[in-house]
């Protein structure tokens, strides 16, 4: 999966419910089901250009939502920070013994629960 498709799919996961039904259907078929514009057009009884326009508007809308809210960027940053915290907790556990090592393992467990 290329970077654009991955980014669009992530935006869709966060903001897809805010698109129109037709935009959601076409976007999903194109990006998630990997159908061609022609296949989607045939399935929906519209032109290939019509499908292209619907998907382009959906992508523009999703990008606009992210630019206004930064929800995806904040989520990605949180994930990175949680991963770093887990690594640090494992390092504390490795360097410690007894009660401190036990607490570090507990911390890892809590952090992994947050990253789900």
C-alpha atoms as a PDB file:
ATOM      1  CA  UNK A   1       0.000   0.000   0.000  1.00  0.00           C
ATOM      2  CA  UNK A   2       1.506   3.343  -0.993  1.00  0.00           C
ATOM      3  CA  UNK A   3       1.780   6.304   1.369  1.00  0.00           C
ATOM      4  CA  UNK A   4      -1.095   8.247  -0.212  1.00  0.00           C
ATOM      5  CA  UNK A   5      -3.476   5.298   0.063  1.00  0.00           C
ATOM      6  CA  UNK A   6      -2.396   4.619   3.647  1.00  0.00           C
ATOM      7  CA  UNK A   7      -2.885   8.279   4.574  1.00  0.00           C
ATOM      8  CA  UNK A   8      -6.298   8.449   2.857  1.00  0.00           C
ATOM      9  CA  UNK A   9      -7.415   5.234   4.538  1.00  0.00           C
ATOM     10  CA  UNK A  10      -6.405   6.603   7.936  1.00  0.00           C
ATOM     11  CA  UNK A  11      -8.287   9.853   7.271  1.00  0.00           C
ATOM     12  CA  UNK A  12     -11.294   7.779   6.203  1.00  0.00           C
ATOM     13  CA  UNK A  13     -11.135   5.752   9.429  1.00  0.00           C
ATOM     14  CA  UNK A  14     -11.329   8.947  11.475  1.00  0.00           C
ATOM     15  CA  UNK A  15     -13.653  11.088   9.357  1.00  0.00           C
ATOM     16  CA  UNK A  16     -15.444   8.716   6.962  1.00  0.00           C
ATOM     17  CA  UNK A  17     -18.772   9.043   8.732  1.00  0.00           C
ATOM     18  CA  UNK A  18     -18.782  12.733   7.823  1.00  0.00           C
ATOM     19  CA  UNK A  19     -18.825  11.989   4.078  1.00  0.00           C
ATOM     20  CA  UNK A  20     -21.976  11.495   2.044  1.00  0.00           C
ATOM     21  CA  UNK A  21     -23.181   7.939   1.512  1.00  0.00           C
ATOM     22  CA  UNK A  22     -22.080   7.995  -2.147  1.00  0.00           C
ATOM     23  CA  UNK A  23     -18.659   9.371  -1.219  1.00  0.00           C
ATOM     24  CA  UNK A  24     -18.202   6.665   1.433  1.00  0.00           C
ATOM     25  CA  UNK A  25     -19.221   3.912  -0.975  1.00  0.00           C
ATOM     26  CA  UNK A  26     -16.957   5.056  -3.816  1.00  0.00           C
ATOM     27  CA  UNK A  27     -14.034   5.853  -1.519  1.00  0.00           C
ATOM     28  CA  UNK A  28     -14.264   2.468   0.184  1.00  0.00           C
ATOM     29  CA  UNK A  29     -14.467   0.572  -3.086  1.00  0.00           C
ATOM     30  CA  UNK A  30     -11.518   2.472  -4.535  1.00  0.00           C
ATOM     31  CA  UNK A  31      -9.121   2.662  -1.582  1.00  0.00           C
ATOM     32  CA  UNK A  32     -10.096  -0.318   0.561  1.00  0.00           C
ATOM     33  CA  UNK A  33     -11.465  -2.819  -1.960  1.00  0.00           C
ATOM     34  CA  UNK A  34      -8.967  -1.770  -4.669  1.00  0.00           C
ATOM     35  CA  UNK A  35     -11.586  -1.574  -7.444  1.00  0.00           C
ATOM     36  CA  UNK A  36     -10.811   0.505 -10.519  1.00  0.00           C
ATOM     37  CA  UNK A  37     -12.746   3.642 -11.406  1.00  0.00           C
ATOM     38  CA  UNK A  38     -14.352   1.717 -14.288  1.00  0.00           C
ATOM     39  CA  UNK A  39     -15.460  -1.110 -11.999  1.00  0.00           C
ATOM     40  CA  UNK A  40     -16.960   1.323  -9.499  1.00  0.00           C
ATOM     41  CA  UNK A  41     -18.664   3.260 -12.301  1.00  0.00           C
ATOM     42  CA  UNK A  42     -20.221   0.086 -13.688  1.00  0.00           C
ATOM     43  CA  UNK A  43     -21.334  -1.027 -10.235  1.00  0.00           C
ATOM     44  CA  UNK A  44     -22.998   2.358  -9.534  1.00  0.00           C
ATOM     45  CA  UNK A  45     -24.352   3.094 -12.997  1.00  0.00           C
ATOM     46  CA  UNK A  46     -22.376   6.329 -13.393  1.00  0.00           C
ATOM     47  CA  UNK A  47     -19.483   7.443 -15.555  1.00  0.00           C
ATOM     48  CA  UNK A  48     -15.840   6.829 -14.754  1.00  0.00           C
ATOM     49  CA  UNK A  49     -15.394  10.608 -14.558  1.00  0.00           C
ATOM     50  CA  UNK A  50     -18.289  10.798 -12.104  1.00  0.00           C
ATOM     51  CA  UNK A  51     -16.593   8.270  -9.833  1.00  0.00           C
ATOM     52  CA  UNK A  52     -13.306  10.160 -10.109  1.00  0.00           C
ATOM     53  CA  UNK A  53     -15.027  13.411  -9.125  1.00  0.00           C
ATOM     54  CA  UNK A  54     -16.792  11.790  -6.144  1.00  0.00           C
ATOM     55  CA  UNK A  55     -13.549  10.284  -4.845  1.00  0.00           C
ATOM     56  CA  UNK A  56     -11.627  13.528  -5.402  1.00  0.00           C
ATOM     57  CA  UNK A  57     -14.250  15.492  -3.450  1.00  0.00           C
ATOM     58  CA  UNK A  58     -14.202  12.902  -0.667  1.00  0.00           C
ATOM     59  CA  UNK A  59     -10.406  13.064  -0.430  1.00  0.00           C
ATOM     60  CA  UNK A  60     -10.474  16.867  -0.402  1.00  0.00           C
ATOM     61  CA  UNK A  61     -13.113  16.805   2.345  1.00  0.00           C
ATOM     62  CA  UNK A  62     -11.118  14.342   4.459  1.00  0.00           C
ATOM     63  CA  UNK A  63      -7.940  16.387   4.069  1.00  0.00           C
ATOM     64  CA  UNK A  64      -9.879  19.511   5.045  1.00  0.00           C
ATOM     65  CA  UNK A  65     -11.174  17.890   8.227  1.00  0.00           C
ATOM     66  CA  UNK A  66      -7.637  16.875   9.193  1.00  0.00           C
ATOM     67  CA  UNK A  67      -6.238  20.324   8.452  1.00  0.00           C
ATOM     68  CA  UNK A  68      -8.863  21.875  10.719  1.00  0.00           C
ATOM     69  CA  UNK A  69      -8.625  19.380  13.577  1.00  0.00           C
ATOM     70  CA  UNK A  70      -5.202  17.654  13.392  1.00  0.00           C
ATOM     71  CA  UNK A  71      -6.879  14.606  14.958  1.00  0.00           C
ATOM     72  CA  UNK A  72      -4.900  12.053  12.948  1.00  0.00           C
ATOM     73  CA  UNK A  73      -1.591  13.848  13.523  1.00  0.00           C
ATOM     74  CA  UNK A  74      -2.281  13.997  17.266  1.00  0.00           C
ATOM     75  CA  UNK A  75      -3.245  10.323  17.319  1.00  0.00           C
ATOM     76  CA  UNK A  76      -0.060   9.330  15.464  1.00  0.00           C
ATOM     77  CA  UNK A  77       2.059  11.400  17.857  1.00  0.00           C
ATOM     78  CA  UNK A  78       0.350   9.779  20.847  1.00  0.00           C
ATOM     79  CA  UNK A  79       1.055   6.328  19.416  1.00  0.00           C
ATOM     80  CA  UNK A  80       4.751   7.186  18.975  1.00  0.00           C
ATOM     81  CA  UNK A  81       4.952   8.530  22.519  1.00  0.00           C
ATOM     82  CA  UNK A  82       3.272   5.417  23.943  1.00  0.00           C
ATOM     83  CA  UNK A  83       5.690   3.171  22.044  1.00  0.00           C
ATOM     84  CA  UNK A  84       8.614   5.165  23.441  1.00  0.00           C
ATOM     85  CA  UNK A  85       7.187   4.942  26.969  1.00  0.00           C
ATOM     86  CA  UNK A  86       6.874   1.154  26.625  1.00  0.00           C
ATOM     87  CA  UNK A  87      10.519   0.919  25.496  1.00  0.00           C
ATOM     88  CA  UNK A  88      11.631   3.016  28.455  1.00  0.00           C
ATOM     89  CA  UNK A  89       9.595   0.904  30.891  1.00  0.00           C
ATOM     90  CA  UNK A  90      11.160  -2.280  29.468  1.00  0.00           C
ATOM     91  CA  UNK A  91      14.583  -0.708  29.916  1.00  0.00           C
ATOM     92  CA  UNK A  92      13.785   0.162  33.549  1.00  0.00           C
ATOM     93  CA  UNK A  93      12.636  -3.426  34.093  1.00  0.00           C
ATOM     94  CA  UNK A  94      15.846  -4.751  32.517  1.00  0.00           C
ATOM     95  CA  UNK A  95      18.051  -2.574  34.712  1.00  0.00           C
ATOM     96  CA  UNK A  96      16.105  -3.164  37.918  1.00  0.00           C
ATOM     97  CA  UNK A  97      15.358  -5.973  40.284  1.00  0.00           C
ATOM     98  CA  UNK A  98      12.695  -6.730  42.826  1.00  0.00           C
ATOM     99  CA  UNK A  99       9.890  -4.237  43.382  1.00  0.00           C
ATOM    100  CA  UNK A 100      11.137  -1.749  40.787  1.00  0.00           C
ATOM    101  CA  UNK A 101      11.229  -4.426  38.064  1.00  0.00           C
ATOM    102  CA  UNK A 102       7.722  -5.536  39.035  1.00  0.00           C
ATOM    103  CA  UNK A 103       6.451  -1.935  38.793  1.00  0.00           C
ATOM    104  CA  UNK A 104       8.119  -1.506  35.400  1.00  0.00           C
ATOM    105  CA  UNK A 105       6.345  -4.643  34.100  1.00  0.00           C
ATOM    106  CA  UNK A 106       3.051  -3.293  35.454  1.00  0.00           C
ATOM    107  CA  UNK A 107       3.725   0.017  33.729  1.00  0.00           C
ATOM    108  CA  UNK A 108       4.331  -1.776  30.421  1.00  0.00           C
ATOM    109  CA  UNK A 109       1.029  -3.567  30.837  1.00  0.00           C
ATOM    110  CA  UNK A 110      -0.829  -0.310  31.482  1.00  0.00           C
ATOM    111  CA  UNK A 111       0.842   1.452  28.539  1.00  0.00           C
ATOM    112  CA  UNK A 112       0.088  -1.391  26.160  1.00  0.00           C
ATOM    113  CA  UNK A 113      -3.557  -1.200  27.259  1.00  0.00           C
ATOM    114  CA  UNK A 114      -3.610   2.485  26.267  1.00  0.00           C
ATOM    115  CA  UNK A 115      -2.202   1.795  22.809  1.00  0.00           C
ATOM    116  CA  UNK A 116      -5.028  -0.507  21.714  1.00  0.00           C
END
